[in-house]
Protein backbone atom coordinates (compact mmCIF):
# COMPACT_ATOMS: atom_id res chain seq x y z
CA UNK A 1 0.00 0.00 0.00
CA UNK A 2 3.00 2.31 -0.16
CA UNK A 3 2.06 3.44 -3.67
CA UNK A 4 -1.12 5.02 -2.34
CA UNK A 5 0.80 6.51 0.57
CA UNK A 6 3.22 8.16 -1.87
CA UNK A 7 0.29 9.54 -3.86
CA UNK A 8 -1.26 10.97 -0.70
CA UNK A 9 2.03 12.60 0.32
CA UNK A 10 2.48 14.11 -3.13
CA UNK A 11 -0.97 15.69 -3.11
CA UNK A 12 -0.70 16.92 0.47
CA UNK A 13 2.76 18.37 -0.09
CA UNK A 14 1.86 20.16 -3.30
CA UNK A 15 -1.38 21.54 -1.88
CA UNK A 16 0.49 22.83 1.17
CA UNK A 17 3.08 24.44 -1.12
CA UNK A 18 0.37 26.05 -3.21
CA UNK A 19 -1.59 27.15 -0.15
CA UNK A 20 1.46 28.80 1.39
CA UNK A 21 2.33 30.60 -1.85
CA UNK A 22 -1.13 31.73 -2.94
CA UNK A 23 -3.47 31.64 0.07
CA UNK A 24 -4.42 35.26 -0.48
CA UNK A 25 -6.17 34.25 -3.72
CA UNK A 26 -8.31 31.50 -2.20
CA UNK A 27 -11.41 33.66 -1.62
CA UNK A 28 -11.81 34.56 -5.26
CA UNK A 29 -10.02 31.98 -7.45
CA UNK A 30 -12.85 29.43 -7.32
CA UNK A 31 -15.40 31.86 -8.76
CA UNK A 32 -14.03 31.73 -12.29
CA UNK A 33 -15.93 29.53 -14.72
CA UNK A 34 -13.53 28.42 -17.48
CA UNK A 35 -15.14 26.62 -20.38
CA UNK A 36 -13.68 23.14 -20.46
CA UNK A 37 -16.12 21.10 -22.53
CA UNK A 38 -19.66 20.05 -23.39
CA UNK A 39 -22.57 18.70 -21.38
CA UNK A 40 -23.90 15.15 -21.19
CA UNK A 41 -27.11 13.55 -19.99
CA UNK A 42 -27.42 12.84 -16.24
CA UNK A 43 -26.69 9.36 -14.94
CA UNK A 44 -29.41 6.96 -13.93
CA UNK A 45 -29.35 6.05 -10.27
CA UNK A 46 -31.27 2.78 -10.10
CA UNK A 47 -28.80 0.20 -11.43
CA UNK A 48 -25.43 -1.31 -10.52
CA UNK A 49 -22.52 1.00 -11.20
CA UNK A 50 -20.97 -1.18 -13.89
CA UNK A 51 -24.20 -1.15 -15.91
CA UNK A 52 -24.03 2.57 -16.60
CA UNK A 53 -21.72 1.86 -19.53
CA UNK A 54 -23.89 -0.93 -20.83
CA UNK A 55 -21.77 -3.74 -19.35
CA UNK A 56 -23.14 -6.51 -17.13
CA UNK A 57 -22.94 -5.91 -13.40
CA UNK A 58 -19.64 -7.20 -12.04
CA UNK A 59 -21.20 -7.45 -8.62
CA UNK A 60 -23.70 -10.02 -9.80
CA UNK A 61 -21.65 -12.78 -11.42
CA UNK A 62 -18.10 -13.88 -11.97
CA UNK A 63 -16.63 -14.93 -15.27
CA UNK A 64 -17.82 -18.48 -14.61
CA UNK A 65 -21.40 -17.30 -14.02
CA UNK A 66 -21.33 -17.87 -10.26
CA UNK A 67 -22.29 -15.32 -7.67
CA UNK A 68 -19.58 -12.78 -6.86
CA UNK A 69 -19.07 -11.59 -3.29
CA UNK A 70 -20.84 -8.48 -2.02
CA UNK A 71 -18.77 -5.67 -0.59
CA UNK A 72 -19.39 -3.33 2.30
CA UNK A 73 -17.88 0.04 1.44
CA UNK A 74 -17.09 0.91 5.04
CA UNK A 75 -15.49 -2.46 5.82
CA UNK A 76 -13.51 -2.41 2.58
CA UNK A 77 -12.16 1.09 3.24
CA UNK A 78 -11.33 0.35 6.86
CA UNK A 79 -9.46 -2.85 5.99
CA UNK A 80 -7.46 -1.41 3.11
CA UNK A 81 -6.70 1.92 4.81
CA UNK A 82 -5.19 0.04 7.74
CA UNK A 83 -2.58 -1.35 5.33
CA UNK A 84 -1.39 2.02 4.06
CA UNK A 85 2.27 2.48 4.90
CA UNK A 86 2.91 -1.21 5.41
CA UNK A 87 5.47 -3.08 3.33
CA UNK A 88 3.72 -4.54 0.29
CA UNK A 89 5.66 -7.28 -1.56
CA UNK A 90 3.40 -6.89 -4.61
CA UNK A 91 2.13 -3.28 -4.92
CA UNK A 92 1.08 -3.75 -8.55
CA UNK A 93 -0.96 -6.81 -7.57
CA UNK A 94 -2.55 -4.91 -4.69
CA UNK A 95 -3.59 -2.05 -6.96
CA UNK A 96 -4.97 -4.51 -9.52
CA UNK A 97 -6.98 -6.26 -6.81
CA UNK A 98 -8.39 -3.00 -5.51
CA UNK A 99 -9.29 -1.80 -8.98
CA UNK A 100 -11.15 -5.05 -9.63
CA UNK A 101 -12.94 -4.73 -6.30
CA UNK A 102 -13.88 -1.11 -6.96
CA UNK A 103 -15.40 -2.08 -10.29
CA UNK A 104 -17.73 -4.53 -8.49
CA UNK A 105 -19.26 -1.96 -6.15
CA UNK A 106 -22.92 -1.07 -6.54
CA UNK A 107 -24.33 2.44 -6.85
CA UNK A 108 -25.30 2.40 -3.19
CA UNK A 109 -21.74 1.42 -2.24
CA UNK A 110 -20.36 4.26 -4.34
CA UNK A 111 -22.56 6.64 -2.38
CA UNK A 112 -21.29 5.10 0.85
CA UNK A 113 -17.73 5.78 -0.27
CA UNK A 114 -18.68 9.43 -0.73
CA UNK A 115 -20.14 9.46 2.77
CA UNK A 116 -16.89 8.05 4.17
CA UNK A 117 -14.78 10.54 2.22
CA UNK A 118 -16.70 13.51 3.58
CA UNK A 119 -17.03 12.26 7.16
CA UNK A 120 -14.63 14.31 9.34
CA UNK A 121 -14.91 11.65 12.05
CA UNK A 122 -13.17 9.08 9.84
CA UNK A 123 -9.38 8.98 9.85
CA UNK A 124 -7.49 10.50 6.96
CA UNK A 125 -6.33 7.21 5.42
CA UNK A 126 -9.90 5.93 5.22
CA UNK A 127 -11.13 9.12 3.62
CA UNK A 128 -8.36 9.10 1.02
CA UNK A 129 -8.93 5.40 0.33
CA UNK A 130 -12.63 6.06 -0.29
CA UNK A 131 -11.81 8.67 -2.93
CA UNK A 132 -9.17 6.46 -4.52
CA UNK A 133 -11.61 3.57 -4.83
CA UNK A 134 -14.15 5.85 -6.53
CA UNK A 135 -11.50 6.77 -9.07
CA UNK A 136 -10.53 3.17 -9.58
CA UNK A 137 -14.05 2.21 -10.65
CA UNK A 138 -13.09 3.72 -14.02
CA UNK A 139 -16.85 4.08 -14.54
CA UNK A 140 -18.94 7.16 -15.28
CA UNK A 141 -21.27 6.15 -12.45
CA UNK A 142 -18.66 7.47 -10.02
CA UNK A 143 -18.50 10.92 -11.61
CA UNK A 144 -21.33 12.49 -9.56
CA UNK A 145 -19.78 11.14 -6.37
CA UNK A 146 -16.34 12.53 -7.22
CA UNK A 147 -17.90 15.87 -8.19
CA UNK A 148 -19.72 15.93 -4.87
CA UNK A 149 -16.47 15.44 -2.98
CA UNK A 150 -14.49 17.89 -5.11
CA UNK A 151 -17.04 20.68 -4.67
CA UNK A 152 -17.98 20.03 -1.05
CA UNK A 153 -17.27 23.28 0.84
CA UNK A 154 -13.86 23.37 2.48
CA UNK A 155 -14.44 23.82 6.23
CA UNK A 156 -13.03 27.01 7.77
CA UNK A 157 -10.40 25.28 9.87
CA UNK A 158 -7.76 27.21 11.82
CA UNK A 159 -5.38 24.25 11.90
CA UNK A 160 -3.37 24.60 8.68
CA UNK A 161 -2.50 20.90 8.61
CA UNK A 162 -6.17 19.91 8.86
CA UNK A 163 -7.11 22.52 6.27
CA UNK A 164 -4.41 21.24 3.90
CA UNK A 165 -5.80 17.72 4.29
CA UNK A 166 -9.32 18.81 3.37
CA UNK A 167 -8.05 20.64 0.29
CA UNK A 168 -5.87 17.67 -0.69
CA UNK A 169 -8.80 15.27 -0.39
CA UNK A 170 -10.78 17.37 -2.84
CA UNK A 171 -7.72 17.58 -5.07
CA UNK A 172 -7.58 13.79 -5.25
CA UNK A 173 -11.26 13.72 -6.23
CA UNK A 174 -10.54 16.17 -9.05
CA UNK A 175 -7.60 14.06 -10.22
CA UNK A 176 -9.78 10.93 -10.06
CA UNK A 177 -12.38 12.54 -12.34
CA UNK A 178 -9.69 12.38 -15.01
CA UNK A 179 -9.73 8.57 -14.79
CA UNK A 180 -13.50 8.03 -14.97
CA UNK A 181 -15.81 7.90 -17.99
CA UNK A 182 -15.07 8.97 -21.56
CA UNK A 183 -13.28 12.14 -22.57
CA UNK A 184 -16.38 14.30 -23.00
CA UNK A 185 -17.78 13.18 -19.64
CA UNK A 186 -14.51 13.93 -17.86
CA UNK A 187 -14.22 17.41 -19.37
CA UNK A 188 -17.86 18.19 -18.62
CA UNK A 189 -17.47 17.11 -15.00
CA UNK A 190 -14.31 19.20 -14.65
CA UNK A 191 -16.13 22.19 -16.13
CA UNK A 192 -18.81 21.91 -13.49
CA UNK A 193 -16.22 21.55 -10.76
CA UNK A 194 -14.27 24.57 -12.01
CA UNK A 195 -17.33 26.76 -11.57
CA UNK A 196 -17.96 25.63 -8.00
CA UNK A 197 -14.66 25.15 -6.16
CA UNK A 198 -13.69 27.97 -3.82
CA UNK A 199 -9.93 27.54 -3.39
CA UNK A 200 -7.09 28.53 -5.69
CA UNK A 201 -5.35 25.14 -5.47
CA UNK A 202 -8.53 23.32 -6.50
CA UNK A 203 -9.20 25.71 -9.38
CA UNK A 204 -5.65 25.28 -10.59
CA UNK A 205 -5.78 21.49 -10.25
CA UNK A 206 -9.05 21.31 -12.17
CA UNK A 207 -7.57 23.28 -15.05
CA UNK A 208 -4.37 21.20 -15.10
CA UNK A 209 -6.28 17.90 -15.19
CA UNK A 210 -8.36 19.24 -18.09
CA UNK A 211 -5.25 20.48 -19.88
CA UNK A 212 -3.65 17.03 -19.68
CA UNK A 213 -6.81 15.38 -20.97
CA UNK A 214 -6.98 17.78 -23.91
CA UNK A 215 -3.28 17.66 -24.80
CA UNK A 216 -1.16 14.54 -24.37
CA UNK A 217 1.96 16.71 -24.46
CA UNK A 218 0.94 18.27 -21.14
CA UNK A 219 2.44 16.33 -18.24
CA UNK A 220 0.15 14.25 -16.03
CA UNK A 221 -0.88 15.53 -12.62
CA UNK A 222 1.31 12.89 -10.97
CA UNK A 223 4.37 14.06 -12.89
CA UNK A 224 3.61 17.68 -12.08
CA UNK A 225 3.16 16.82 -8.40
CA UNK A 226 6.52 15.09 -8.28
CA UNK A 227 8.21 18.12 -9.82
CA UNK A 228 6.49 20.44 -7.34
CA UNK A 229 7.58 18.23 -4.45
CA UNK A 230 11.16 18.23 -5.71
CA UNK A 231 11.10 22.04 -5.86
CA UNK A 232 9.63 22.18 -2.37
CA UNK A 233 12.29 19.84 -0.95
CA UNK A 234 15.00 21.76 -2.76
CA UNK A 235 14.17 25.04 -1.04
C-alpha atoms as a PDB file:
ATOM      1  CA  UNK A   1       0.000   0.000   0.000  1.00  0.00           C
ATOM      2  CA  UNK A   2       2.999   2.310  -0.164  1.00  0.00           C
ATOM      3  CA  UNK A   3       2.059   3.441  -3.669  1.00  0.00           C
ATOM      4  CA  UNK A   4      -1.120   5.019  -2.336  1.00  0.00           C
ATOM      5  CA  UNK A   5       0.800   6.514   0.572  1.00  0.00           C
ATOM      6  CA  UNK A   6       3.218   8.156  -1.867  1.00  0.00           C
ATOM      7  CA  UNK A   7       0.292   9.543  -3.863  1.00  0.00           C
ATOM      8  CA  UNK A   8      -1.255  10.968  -0.701  1.00  0.00           C
ATOM      9  CA  UNK A   9       2.026  12.596   0.317  1.00  0.00           C
ATOM     10  CA  UNK A  10       2.482  14.114  -3.130  1.00  0.00           C
ATOM     11  CA  UNK A  11      -0.966  15.690  -3.111  1.00  0.00           C
ATOM     12  CA  UNK A  12      -0.699  16.920   0.466  1.00  0.00           C
ATOM     13  CA  UNK A  13       2.764  18.373  -0.091  1.00  0.00           C
ATOM     14  CA  UNK A  14       1.864  20.165  -3.300  1.00  0.00           C
ATOM     15  CA  UNK A  15      -1.377  21.543  -1.882  1.00  0.00           C
ATOM     16  CA  UNK A  16       0.490  22.825   1.175  1.00  0.00           C
ATOM     17  CA  UNK A  17       3.083  24.436  -1.117  1.00  0.00           C
ATOM     18  CA  UNK A  18       0.367  26.051  -3.215  1.00  0.00           C
ATOM     19  CA  UNK A  19      -1.589  27.152  -0.145  1.00  0.00           C
ATOM     20  CA  UNK A  20       1.465  28.795   1.386  1.00  0.00           C
ATOM     21  CA  UNK A  21       2.325  30.597  -1.851  1.00  0.00           C
ATOM     22  CA  UNK A  22      -1.129  31.726  -2.943  1.00  0.00           C
ATOM     23  CA  UNK A  23      -3.466  31.643   0.067  1.00  0.00           C
ATOM     24  CA  UNK A  24      -4.424  35.264  -0.475  1.00  0.00           C
ATOM     25  CA  UNK A  25      -6.172  34.250  -3.718  1.00  0.00           C
ATOM     26  CA  UNK A  26      -8.313  31.500  -2.199  1.00  0.00           C
ATOM     27  CA  UNK A  27     -11.412  33.656  -1.617  1.00  0.00           C
ATOM     28  CA  UNK A  28     -11.811  34.565  -5.261  1.00  0.00           C
ATOM     29  CA  UNK A  29     -10.022  31.984  -7.448  1.00  0.00           C
ATOM     30  CA  UNK A  30     -12.847  29.427  -7.323  1.00  0.00           C
ATOM     31  CA  UNK A  31     -15.397  31.859  -8.757  1.00  0.00           C
ATOM     32  CA  UNK A  32     -14.026  31.729 -12.290  1.00  0.00           C
ATOM     33  CA  UNK A  33     -15.932  29.526 -14.719  1.00  0.00           C
ATOM     34  CA  UNK A  34     -13.531  28.425 -17.478  1.00  0.00           C
ATOM     35  CA  UNK A  35     -15.136  26.623 -20.376  1.00  0.00           C
ATOM     36  CA  UNK A  36     -13.675  23.142 -20.458  1.00  0.00           C
ATOM     37  CA  UNK A  37     -16.121  21.103 -22.526  1.00  0.00           C
ATOM     38  CA  UNK A  38     -19.659  20.051 -23.393  1.00  0.00           C
ATOM     39  CA  UNK A  39     -22.573  18.701 -21.377  1.00  0.00           C
ATOM     40  CA  UNK A  40     -23.898  15.147 -21.190  1.00  0.00           C
ATOM     41  CA  UNK A  41     -27.105  13.553 -19.987  1.00  0.00           C
ATOM     42  CA  UNK A  42     -27.424  12.842 -16.241  1.00  0.00           C
ATOM     43  CA  UNK A  43     -26.691   9.361 -14.935  1.00  0.00           C
ATOM     44  CA  UNK A  44     -29.412   6.961 -13.934  1.00  0.00           C
ATOM     45  CA  UNK A  45     -29.353   6.051 -10.270  1.00  0.00           C
ATOM     46  CA  UNK A  46     -31.270   2.780 -10.101  1.00  0.00           C
ATOM     47  CA  UNK A  47     -28.803   0.202 -11.434  1.00  0.00           C
ATOM     48  CA  UNK A  48     -25.430  -1.311 -10.519  1.00  0.00           C
ATOM     49  CA  UNK A  49     -22.515   0.996 -11.201  1.00  0.00           C
ATOM     50  CA  UNK A  50     -20.969  -1.182 -13.891  1.00  0.00           C
ATOM     51  CA  UNK A  51     -24.204  -1.152 -15.908  1.00  0.00           C
ATOM     52  CA  UNK A  52     -24.026   2.573 -16.599  1.00  0.00           C
ATOM     53  CA  UNK A  53     -21.720   1.864 -19.530  1.00  0.00           C
ATOM     54  CA  UNK A  54     -23.892  -0.931 -20.828  1.00  0.00           C
ATOM     55  CA  UNK A  55     -21.768  -3.739 -19.351  1.00  0.00           C
ATOM     56  CA  UNK A  56     -23.143  -6.511 -17.128  1.00  0.00           C
ATOM     57  CA  UNK A  57     -22.938  -5.912 -13.402  1.00  0.00           C
ATOM     58  CA  UNK A  58     -19.638  -7.201 -12.042  1.00  0.00           C
ATOM     59  CA  UNK A  59     -21.202  -7.451  -8.619  1.00  0.00           C
ATOM     60  CA  UNK A  60     -23.702 -10.023  -9.799  1.00  0.00           C
ATOM     61  CA  UNK A  61     -21.654 -12.781 -11.416  1.00  0.00           C
ATOM     62  CA  UNK A  62     -18.098 -13.879 -11.967  1.00  0.00           C
ATOM     63  CA  UNK A  63     -16.626 -14.926 -15.272  1.00  0.00           C
ATOM     64  CA  UNK A  64     -17.823 -18.479 -14.606  1.00  0.00           C
ATOM     65  CA  UNK A  65     -21.397 -17.302 -14.020  1.00  0.00           C
ATOM     66  CA  UNK A  66     -21.328 -17.872 -10.261  1.00  0.00           C
ATOM     67  CA  UNK A  67     -22.289 -15.317  -7.672  1.00  0.00           C
ATOM     68  CA  UNK A  68     -19.582 -12.777  -6.856  1.00  0.00           C
ATOM     69  CA  UNK A  69     -19.072 -11.586  -3.286  1.00  0.00           C
ATOM     70  CA  UNK A  70     -20.838  -8.480  -2.022  1.00  0.00           C
ATOM     71  CA  UNK A  71     -18.766  -5.666  -0.594  1.00  0.00           C
ATOM     72  CA  UNK A  72     -19.386  -3.328   2.302  1.00  0.00           C
ATOM     73  CA  UNK A  73     -17.881   0.042   1.438  1.00  0.00           C
ATOM     74  CA  UNK A  74     -17.088   0.906   5.044  1.00  0.00           C
ATOM     75  CA  UNK A  75     -15.487  -2.464   5.820  1.00  0.00           C
ATOM     76  CA  UNK A  76     -13.506  -2.414   2.578  1.00  0.00           C
ATOM     77  CA  UNK A  77     -12.165   1.085   3.236  1.00  0.00           C
ATOM     78  CA  UNK A  78     -11.329   0.351   6.859  1.00  0.00           C
ATOM     79  CA  UNK A  79      -9.464  -2.851   5.992  1.00  0.00           C
ATOM     80  CA  UNK A  80      -7.465  -1.406   3.111  1.00  0.00           C
ATOM     81  CA  UNK A  81      -6.703   1.918   4.806  1.00  0.00           C
ATOM     82  CA  UNK A  82      -5.187   0.038   7.743  1.00  0.00           C
ATOM     83  CA  UNK A  83      -2.580  -1.349   5.330  1.00  0.00           C
ATOM     84  CA  UNK A  84      -1.395   2.022   4.060  1.00  0.00           C
ATOM     85  CA  UNK A  85       2.274   2.479   4.901  1.00  0.00           C
ATOM     86  CA  UNK A  86       2.912  -1.212   5.407  1.00  0.00           C
ATOM     87  CA  UNK A  87       5.466  -3.076   3.330  1.00  0.00           C
ATOM     88  CA  UNK A  88       3.720  -4.536   0.288  1.00  0.00           C
ATOM     89  CA  UNK A  89       5.656  -7.275  -1.561  1.00  0.00           C
ATOM     90  CA  UNK A  90       3.395  -6.887  -4.606  1.00  0.00           C
ATOM     91  CA  UNK A  91       2.131  -3.284  -4.922  1.00  0.00           C
ATOM     92  CA  UNK A  92       1.082  -3.755  -8.545  1.00  0.00           C
ATOM     93  CA  UNK A  93      -0.956  -6.814  -7.574  1.00  0.00           C
ATOM     94  CA  UNK A  94      -2.552  -4.907  -4.694  1.00  0.00           C
ATOM     95  CA  UNK A  95      -3.586  -2.053  -6.962  1.00  0.00           C
ATOM     96  CA  UNK A  96      -4.967  -4.507  -9.522  1.00  0.00           C
ATOM     97  CA  UNK A  97      -6.983  -6.262  -6.812  1.00  0.00           C
ATOM     98  CA  UNK A  98      -8.392  -2.998  -5.509  1.00  0.00           C
ATOM     99  CA  UNK A  99      -9.292  -1.803  -8.983  1.00  0.00           C
ATOM    100  CA  UNK A 100     -11.151  -5.045  -9.634  1.00  0.00           C
ATOM    101  CA  UNK A 101     -12.940  -4.733  -6.300  1.00  0.00           C
ATOM    102  CA  UNK A 102     -13.878  -1.112  -6.960  1.00  0.00           C
ATOM    103  CA  UNK A 103     -15.402  -2.076 -10.288  1.00  0.00           C
ATOM    104  CA  UNK A 104     -17.726  -4.525  -8.493  1.00  0.00           C
ATOM    105  CA  UNK A 105     -19.258  -1.961  -6.150  1.00  0.00           C
ATOM    106  CA  UNK A 106     -22.920  -1.072  -6.542  1.00  0.00           C
ATOM    107  CA  UNK A 107     -24.325   2.443  -6.848  1.00  0.00           C
ATOM    108  CA  UNK A 108     -25.304   2.400  -3.187  1.00  0.00           C
ATOM    109  CA  UNK A 109     -21.743   1.421  -2.236  1.00  0.00           C
ATOM    110  CA  UNK A 110     -20.358   4.256  -4.337  1.00  0.00           C
ATOM    111  CA  UNK A 111     -22.557   6.640  -2.384  1.00  0.00           C
ATOM    112  CA  UNK A 112     -21.291   5.100   0.850  1.00  0.00           C
ATOM    113  CA  UNK A 113     -17.733   5.782  -0.271  1.00  0.00           C
ATOM    114  CA  UNK A 114     -18.679   9.432  -0.732  1.00  0.00           C
ATOM    115  CA  UNK A 115     -20.136   9.462   2.775  1.00  0.00           C
ATOM    116  CA  UNK A 116     -16.886   8.048   4.170  1.00  0.00           C
ATOM    117  CA  UNK A 117     -14.779  10.537   2.224  1.00  0.00           C
ATOM    118  CA  UNK A 118     -16.701  13.510   3.578  1.00  0.00           C
ATOM    119  CA  UNK A 119     -17.030  12.256   7.163  1.00  0.00           C
ATOM    120  CA  UNK A 120     -14.633  14.308   9.340  1.00  0.00           C
ATOM    121  CA  UNK A 121     -14.909  11.646  12.047  1.00  0.00           C
ATOM    122  CA  UNK A 122     -13.171   9.077   9.841  1.00  0.00           C
ATOM    123  CA  UNK A 123      -9.382   8.976   9.847  1.00  0.00           C
ATOM    124  CA  UNK A 124      -7.486  10.497   6.959  1.00  0.00           C
ATOM    125  CA  UNK A 125      -6.330   7.212   5.423  1.00  0.00           C
ATOM    126  CA  UNK A 126      -9.903   5.931   5.222  1.00  0.00           C
ATOM    127  CA  UNK A 127     -11.134   9.125   3.620  1.00  0.00           C
ATOM    128  CA  UNK A 128      -8.357   9.099   1.017  1.00  0.00           C
ATOM    129  CA  UNK A 129      -8.931   5.402   0.329  1.00  0.00           C
ATOM    130  CA  UNK A 130     -12.634   6.062  -0.290  1.00  0.00           C
ATOM    131  CA  UNK A 131     -11.812   8.671  -2.926  1.00  0.00           C
ATOM    132  CA  UNK A 132      -9.170   6.456  -4.522  1.00  0.00           C
ATOM    133  CA  UNK A 133     -11.611   3.570  -4.832  1.00  0.00           C
ATOM    134  CA  UNK A 134     -14.147   5.846  -6.526  1.00  0.00           C
ATOM    135  CA  UNK A 135     -11.501   6.773  -9.073  1.00  0.00           C
ATOM    136  CA  UNK A 136     -10.531   3.169  -9.577  1.00  0.00           C
ATOM    137  CA  UNK A 137     -14.049   2.206 -10.646  1.00  0.00           C
ATOM    138  CA  UNK A 138     -13.092   3.723 -14.020  1.00  0.00           C
ATOM    139  CA  UNK A 139     -16.852   4.080 -14.542  1.00  0.00           C
ATOM    140  CA  UNK A 140     -18.941   7.159 -15.283  1.00  0.00           C
ATOM    141  CA  UNK A 141     -21.275   6.153 -12.448  1.00  0.00           C
ATOM    142  CA  UNK A 142     -18.656   7.469 -10.019  1.00  0.00           C
ATOM    143  CA  UNK A 143     -18.498  10.924 -11.611  1.00  0.00           C
ATOM    144  CA  UNK A 144     -21.330  12.490  -9.559  1.00  0.00           C
ATOM    145  CA  UNK A 145     -19.775  11.140  -6.374  1.00  0.00           C
ATOM    146  CA  UNK A 146     -16.338  12.533  -7.217  1.00  0.00           C
ATOM    147  CA  UNK A 147     -17.899  15.870  -8.187  1.00  0.00           C
ATOM    148  CA  UNK A 148     -19.720  15.935  -4.871  1.00  0.00           C
ATOM    149  CA  UNK A 149     -16.471  15.437  -2.976  1.00  0.00           C
ATOM    150  CA  UNK A 150     -14.490  17.893  -5.107  1.00  0.00           C
ATOM    151  CA  UNK A 151     -17.037  20.678  -4.674  1.00  0.00           C
ATOM    152  CA  UNK A 152     -17.981  20.033  -1.053  1.00  0.00           C
ATOM    153  CA  UNK A 153     -17.270  23.279   0.837  1.00  0.00           C
ATOM    154  CA  UNK A 154     -13.856  23.373   2.475  1.00  0.00           C
ATOM    155  CA  UNK A 155     -14.441  23.816   6.231  1.00  0.00           C
ATOM    156  CA  UNK A 156     -13.027  27.014   7.774  1.00  0.00           C
ATOM    157  CA  UNK A 157     -10.396  25.276   9.872  1.00  0.00           C
ATOM    158  CA  UNK A 158      -7.762  27.209  11.822  1.00  0.00           C
ATOM    159  CA  UNK A 159      -5.383  24.247  11.904  1.00  0.00           C
ATOM    160  CA  UNK A 160      -3.367  24.598   8.678  1.00  0.00           C
ATOM    161  CA  UNK A 161      -2.503  20.903   8.607  1.00  0.00           C
ATOM    162  CA  UNK A 162      -6.169  19.909   8.864  1.00  0.00           C
ATOM    163  CA  UNK A 163      -7.106  22.521   6.267  1.00  0.00           C
ATOM    164  CA  UNK A 164      -4.409  21.243   3.898  1.00  0.00           C
ATOM    165  CA  UNK A 165      -5.795  17.722   4.290  1.00  0.00           C
ATOM    166  CA  UNK A 166      -9.325  18.814   3.370  1.00  0.00           C
ATOM    167  CA  UNK A 167      -8.049  20.635   0.294  1.00  0.00           C
ATOM    168  CA  UNK A 168      -5.870  17.669  -0.694  1.00  0.00           C
ATOM    169  CA  UNK A 169      -8.801  15.269  -0.392  1.00  0.00           C
ATOM    170  CA  UNK A 170     -10.776  17.370  -2.836  1.00  0.00           C
ATOM    171  CA  UNK A 171      -7.719  17.575  -5.069  1.00  0.00           C
ATOM    172  CA  UNK A 172      -7.575  13.787  -5.249  1.00  0.00           C
ATOM    173  CA  UNK A 173     -11.260  13.725  -6.226  1.00  0.00           C
ATOM    174  CA  UNK A 174     -10.541  16.167  -9.053  1.00  0.00           C
ATOM    175  CA  UNK A 175      -7.600  14.060 -10.219  1.00  0.00           C
ATOM    176  CA  UNK A 176      -9.776  10.935 -10.064  1.00  0.00           C
ATOM    177  CA  UNK A 177     -12.377  12.542 -12.341  1.00  0.00           C
ATOM    178  CA  UNK A 178      -9.692  12.380 -15.015  1.00  0.00           C
ATOM    179  CA  UNK A 179      -9.732   8.570 -14.787  1.00  0.00           C
ATOM    180  CA  UNK A 180     -13.498   8.025 -14.971  1.00  0.00           C
ATOM    181  CA  UNK A 181     -15.809   7.901 -17.990  1.00  0.00           C
ATOM    182  CA  UNK A 182     -15.066   8.971 -21.560  1.00  0.00           C
ATOM    183  CA  UNK A 183     -13.280  12.145 -22.570  1.00  0.00           C
ATOM    184  CA  UNK A 184     -16.384  14.302 -22.998  1.00  0.00           C
ATOM    185  CA  UNK A 185     -17.779  13.183 -19.640  1.00  0.00           C
ATOM    186  CA  UNK A 186     -14.507  13.932 -17.863  1.00  0.00           C
ATOM    187  CA  UNK A 187     -14.221  17.406 -19.368  1.00  0.00           C
ATOM    188  CA  UNK A 188     -17.862  18.192 -18.620  1.00  0.00           C
ATOM    189  CA  UNK A 189     -17.466  17.109 -14.996  1.00  0.00           C
ATOM    190  CA  UNK A 190     -14.310  19.199 -14.646  1.00  0.00           C
ATOM    191  CA  UNK A 191     -16.125  22.194 -16.134  1.00  0.00           C
ATOM    192  CA  UNK A 192     -18.814  21.910 -13.491  1.00  0.00           C
ATOM    193  CA  UNK A 193     -16.219  21.548 -10.756  1.00  0.00           C
ATOM    194  CA  UNK A 194     -14.269  24.571 -12.014  1.00  0.00           C
ATOM    195  CA  UNK A 195     -17.332  26.756 -11.572  1.00  0.00           C
ATOM    196  CA  UNK A 196     -17.957  25.628  -7.999  1.00  0.00           C
ATOM    197  CA  UNK A 197     -14.663  25.151  -6.161  1.00  0.00           C
ATOM    198  CA  UNK A 198     -13.687  27.968  -3.817  1.00  0.00           C
ATOM    199  CA  UNK A 199      -9.925  27.535  -3.391  1.00  0.00           C
ATOM    200  CA  UNK A 200      -7.089  28.528  -5.686  1.00  0.00           C
ATOM    201  CA  UNK A 201      -5.350  25.139  -5.467  1.00  0.00           C
ATOM    202  CA  UNK A 202      -8.532  23.321  -6.497  1.00  0.00           C
ATOM    203  CA  UNK A 203      -9.204  25.709  -9.381  1.00  0.00           C
ATOM    204  CA  UNK A 204      -5.646  25.276 -10.594  1.00  0.00           C
ATOM    205  CA  UNK A 205      -5.780  21.489 -10.250  1.00  0.00           C
ATOM    206  CA  UNK A 206      -9.049  21.310 -12.174  1.00  0.00           C
ATOM    207  CA  UNK A 207      -7.573  23.280 -15.047  1.00  0.00           C
ATOM    208  CA  UNK A 208      -4.374  21.205 -15.103  1.00  0.00           C
ATOM    209  CA  UNK A 209      -6.278  17.903 -15.194  1.00  0.00           C
ATOM    210  CA  UNK A 210      -8.364  19.235 -18.091  1.00  0.00           C
ATOM    211  CA  UNK A 211      -5.251  20.481 -19.885  1.00  0.00           C
ATOM    212  CA  UNK A 212      -3.649  17.031 -19.679  1.00  0.00           C
ATOM    213  CA  UNK A 213      -6.807  15.377 -20.972  1.00  0.00           C
ATOM    214  CA  UNK A 214      -6.976  17.776 -23.912  1.00  0.00           C
ATOM    215  CA  UNK A 215      -3.278  17.655 -24.798  1.00  0.00           C
ATOM    216  CA  UNK A 216      -1.164  14.535 -24.371  1.00  0.00           C
ATOM    217  CA  UNK A 217       1.956  16.712 -24.459  1.00  0.00           C
ATOM    218  CA  UNK A 218       0.944  18.271 -21.136  1.00  0.00           C
ATOM    219  CA  UNK A 219       2.441  16.328 -18.243  1.00  0.00           C
ATOM    220  CA  UNK A 220       0.155  14.249 -16.030  1.00  0.00           C
ATOM    221  CA  UNK A 221      -0.876  15.529 -12.615  1.00  0.00           C
ATOM    222  CA  UNK A 222       1.312  12.885 -10.969  1.00  0.00           C
ATOM    223  CA  UNK A 223       4.366  14.059 -12.890  1.00  0.00           C
ATOM    224  CA  UNK A 224       3.605  17.684 -12.080  1.00  0.00           C
ATOM    225  CA  UNK A 225       3.163  16.815  -8.396  1.00  0.00           C
ATOM    226  CA  UNK A 226       6.522  15.094  -8.281  1.00  0.00           C
ATOM    227  CA  UNK A 227       8.212  18.122  -9.822  1.00  0.00           C
ATOM    228  CA  UNK A 228       6.488  20.439  -7.339  1.00  0.00           C
ATOM    229  CA  UNK A 229       7.575  18.225  -4.451  1.00  0.00           C
ATOM    230  CA  UNK A 230      11.163  18.235  -5.712  1.00  0.00           C
ATOM    231  CA  UNK A 231      11.099  22.036  -5.860  1.00  0.00           C
ATOM    232  CA  UNK A 232       9.634  22.176  -2.370  1.00  0.00           C
ATOM    233  CA  UNK A 233      12.292  19.843  -0.948  1.00  0.00           C
ATOM    234  CA  UNK A 234      15.002  21.764  -2.756  1.00  0.00           C
ATOM    235  CA  UNK A 235      14.166  25.035  -1.037  1.00  0.00           C
END
